[in-house]
Amino acid sequence: MRFLVKVSIPVEAGNEAARQGKLGETIGRILSELKPEAAYFIEDGGKRTGLLILKMEDAHQIPSIAEPWFLAFNAKVEFHPVMTLEDLQKAGPDIARATKTYG
């Protein structure tokens, strides 16, 4: 199953890593371990934020994804299941059934 993993780095922790010249290096190391399908970086709520698309087969993988960010940056990490167009198309019968029952 695919997840959007949102990583928000507190300003202070990000600034300290940047001052030490370790911000990009540490993020790069974490990403090389996680091997996301895609990774984008934005500002969100005034914080350095990464949006990663990752495949997870089981919930036991959550710590291996979140802990590096927690430990390196004291980051907030969120997991959101996501669908591709193909997944959404497969859900068509379920959507139709829910519409018939509750719509």
C-alpha atoms as a PDB file:
ATOM      1  CA  MET A   1       0.000   0.000   0.000  1.00  0.00           C
ATOM      2  CA  ARG A   2       1.239   3.493  -0.797  1.00  0.00           C
ATOM      3  CA  PHE A   3       1.483   6.222   1.802  1.00  0.00           C
ATOM      4  CA  LEU A   4       2.192   9.896   1.683  1.00  0.00           C
ATOM      5  CA  VAL A   5       4.585  10.504   4.542  1.00  0.00           C
ATOM      6  CA  LYS A   6       4.732  14.122   5.651  1.00  0.00           C
ATOM      7  CA  VAL A   7       7.838  15.089   7.605  1.00  0.00           C
ATOM      8  CA  SER A   8       7.863  18.505   9.314  1.00  0.00           C
ATOM      9  CA  ILE A   9      11.193  19.653  10.733  1.00  0.00           C
ATOM     10  CA  PRO A  10      11.022  22.216  13.546  1.00  0.00           C
ATOM     11  CA  VAL A  11      12.703  25.490  12.577  1.00  0.00           C
ATOM     12  CA  GLU A  12      15.262  25.329  15.395  1.00  0.00           C
ATOM     13  CA  ALA A  13      16.367  21.766  14.596  1.00  0.00           C
ATOM     14  CA  GLY A  14      16.521  22.542  10.862  1.00  0.00           C
ATOM     15  CA  ASN A  15      18.522  25.713  11.462  1.00  0.00           C
ATOM     16  CA  GLU A  16      21.011  23.897  13.688  1.00  0.00           C
ATOM     17  CA  ALA A  17      21.492  21.136  11.108  1.00  0.00           C
ATOM     18  CA  ALA A  18      21.945  23.788   8.386  1.00  0.00           C
ATOM     19  CA  ARG A  19      24.520  25.682  10.478  1.00  0.00           C
ATOM     20  CA  GLN A  20      26.450  22.455  10.980  1.00  0.00           C
ATOM     21  CA  GLY A  21      26.290  21.731   7.250  1.00  0.00           C
ATOM     22  CA  LYS A  22      24.379  18.507   7.912  1.00  0.00           C
ATOM     23  CA  LEU A  23      20.815  19.286   6.789  1.00  0.00           C
ATOM     24  CA  GLY A  24      21.049  18.063   3.205  1.00  0.00           C
ATOM     25  CA  GLU A  25      23.477  15.277   4.042  1.00  0.00           C
ATOM     26  CA  THR A  26      21.239  13.840   6.764  1.00  0.00           C
ATOM     27  CA  ILE A  27      18.086  14.102   4.654  1.00  0.00           C
ATOM     28  CA  GLY A  28      19.934  12.435   1.774  1.00  0.00           C
ATOM     29  CA  ARG A  29      21.086   9.580   3.996  1.00  0.00           C
ATOM     30  CA  ILE A  30      17.575   8.961   5.320  1.00  0.00           C
ATOM     31  CA  LEU A  31      16.104   9.022   1.809  1.00  0.00           C
ATOM     32  CA  SER A  32      18.741   6.603   0.526  1.00  0.00           C
ATOM     33  CA  GLU A  33      17.659   4.146   3.234  1.00  0.00           C
ATOM     34  CA  LEU A  34      13.906   4.627   2.681  1.00  0.00           C
ATOM     35  CA  LYS A  35      14.016   4.656  -1.134  1.00  0.00           C
ATOM     36  CA  PRO A  36      10.770   6.601  -1.660  1.00  0.00           C
ATOM     37  CA  GLU A  37       8.998   6.496  -5.029  1.00  0.00           C
ATOM     38  CA  ALA A  38       9.036  10.301  -4.915  1.00  0.00           C
ATOM     39  CA  ALA A  39      10.228  13.018  -2.537  1.00  0.00           C
ATOM     40  CA  TYR A  40       9.263  16.688  -2.613  1.00  0.00           C
ATOM     41  CA  PHE A  41      10.270  19.476  -0.260  1.00  0.00           C
ATOM     42  CA  ILE A  42       8.103  22.447   0.620  1.00  0.00           C
ATOM     43  CA  GLU A  43       7.483  25.044   3.285  1.00  0.00           C
ATOM     44  CA  ASP A  44       4.380  24.191   5.307  1.00  0.00           C
ATOM     45  CA  GLY A  45       3.306  26.269   8.273  1.00  0.00           C
ATOM     46  CA  GLY A  46       6.723  27.925   8.329  1.00  0.00           C
ATOM     47  CA  LYS A  47       8.569  24.603   8.637  1.00  0.00           C
ATOM     48  CA  ARG A  48      10.850  22.697   6.311  1.00  0.00           C
ATOM     49  CA  THR A  49       8.635  19.848   5.148  1.00  0.00           C
ATOM     50  CA  GLY A  50       9.181  16.746   3.078  1.00  0.00           C
ATOM     51  CA  LEU A  51       6.427  14.871   1.249  1.00  0.00           C
ATOM     52  CA  LEU A  52       7.430  11.296   0.482  1.00  0.00           C
ATOM     53  CA  ILE A  53       5.568   8.594  -1.399  1.00  0.00           C
ATOM     54  CA  LEU A  54       6.455   5.197   0.058  1.00  0.00           C
ATOM     55  CA  LYS A  55       5.160   1.656  -0.292  1.00  0.00           C
ATOM     56  CA  MET A  56       4.515  -0.114   2.998  1.00  0.00           C
ATOM     57  CA  GLU A  57       3.512  -3.751   3.266  1.00  0.00           C
ATOM     58  CA  ASP A  58       2.936  -3.819   7.017  1.00  0.00           C
ATOM     59  CA  ALA A  59       2.510  -1.490   9.991  1.00  0.00           C
ATOM     60  CA  HIS A  60       5.739  -2.787  11.557  1.00  0.00           C
ATOM     61  CA  GLN A  61       7.578  -0.621   8.984  1.00  0.00           C
ATOM     62  CA  ILE A  62       6.343   2.614  10.564  1.00  0.00           C
ATOM     63  CA  PRO A  63       9.205   2.897  13.109  1.00  0.00           C
ATOM     64  CA  SER A  64      11.883   2.285  10.470  1.00  0.00           C
ATOM     65  CA  ILE A  65      10.410   5.181   8.476  1.00  0.00           C
ATOM     66  CA  ALA A  66       9.658   7.601  11.317  1.00  0.00           C
ATOM     67  CA  GLU A  67      12.526   7.061  13.782  1.00  0.00           C
ATOM     68  CA  PRO A  68      15.315   8.513  11.611  1.00  0.00           C
ATOM     69  CA  TRP A  69      13.339  11.762  11.278  1.00  0.00           C
ATOM     70  CA  PHE A  70      12.446  11.829  14.985  1.00  0.00           C
ATOM     71  CA  LEU A  71      16.034  11.237  16.055  1.00  0.00           C
ATOM     72  CA  ALA A  72      17.819  13.425  13.509  1.00  0.00           C
ATOM     73  CA  PHE A  73      15.471  16.434  13.567  1.00  0.00           C
ATOM     74  CA  ASN A  74      12.863  16.010  16.314  1.00  0.00           C
ATOM     75  CA  ALA A  75      10.454  16.014  13.358  1.00  0.00           C
ATOM     76  CA  LYS A  76       6.717  15.481  13.260  1.00  0.00           C
ATOM     77  CA  VAL A  77       5.870  12.548  10.967  1.00  0.00           C
ATOM     78  CA  GLU A  78       2.413  11.805   9.538  1.00  0.00           C
ATOM     79  CA  PHE A  79       1.277   8.802   7.479  1.00  0.00           C
ATOM     80  CA  HIS A  80      -1.587   9.116   4.993  1.00  0.00           C
ATOM     81  CA  PRO A  81      -2.754   6.239   2.761  1.00  0.00           C
ATOM     82  CA  VAL A  82      -2.980   7.306  -0.872  1.00  0.00           C
ATOM     83  CA  MET A  83      -4.419   5.830  -4.066  1.00  0.00           C
ATOM     84  CA  THR A  84      -3.263   5.864  -7.651  1.00  0.00           C
ATOM     85  CA  LEU A  85      -5.789   6.299 -10.445  1.00  0.00           C
ATOM     86  CA  GLU A  86      -5.777   2.520 -10.859  1.00  0.00           C
ATOM     87  CA  ASP A  87      -6.601   2.064  -7.166  1.00  0.00           C
ATOM     88  CA  LEU A  88      -9.444   4.560  -7.439  1.00  0.00           C
ATOM     89  CA  GLN A  89     -10.836   2.771 -10.480  1.00  0.00           C
ATOM     90  CA  LYS A  90     -10.765  -0.543  -8.607  1.00  0.00           C
ATOM     91  CA  ALA A  91     -12.770   1.118  -5.826  1.00  0.00           C
ATOM     92  CA  GLY A  92     -15.588   1.993  -8.256  1.00  0.00           C
ATOM     93  CA  PRO A  93     -17.923  -0.854  -7.192  1.00  0.00           C
ATOM     94  CA  ASP A  94     -17.416   0.006  -3.508  1.00  0.00           C
ATOM     95  CA  ILE A  95     -18.169   3.660  -4.177  1.00  0.00           C
ATOM     96  CA  ALA A  96     -21.300   2.700  -6.139  1.00  0.00           C
ATOM     97  CA  ARG A  97     -22.436   0.401  -3.327  1.00  0.00           C
ATOM     98  CA  ALA A  98     -21.951   3.140  -0.701  1.00  0.00           C
ATOM     99  CA  THR A  99     -23.776   5.637  -2.908  1.00  0.00           C
ATOM    100  CA  LYS A 100     -26.728   3.252  -3.282  1.00  0.00           C
ATOM    101  CA  THR A 101     -26.861   2.564   0.460  1.00  0.00           C
ATOM    102  CA  TYR A 102     -26.100   6.005   1.903  1.00  0.00           C
ATOM    103  CA  GLY A 103     -26.507   8.470  -0.965  1.00  0.00           C
END
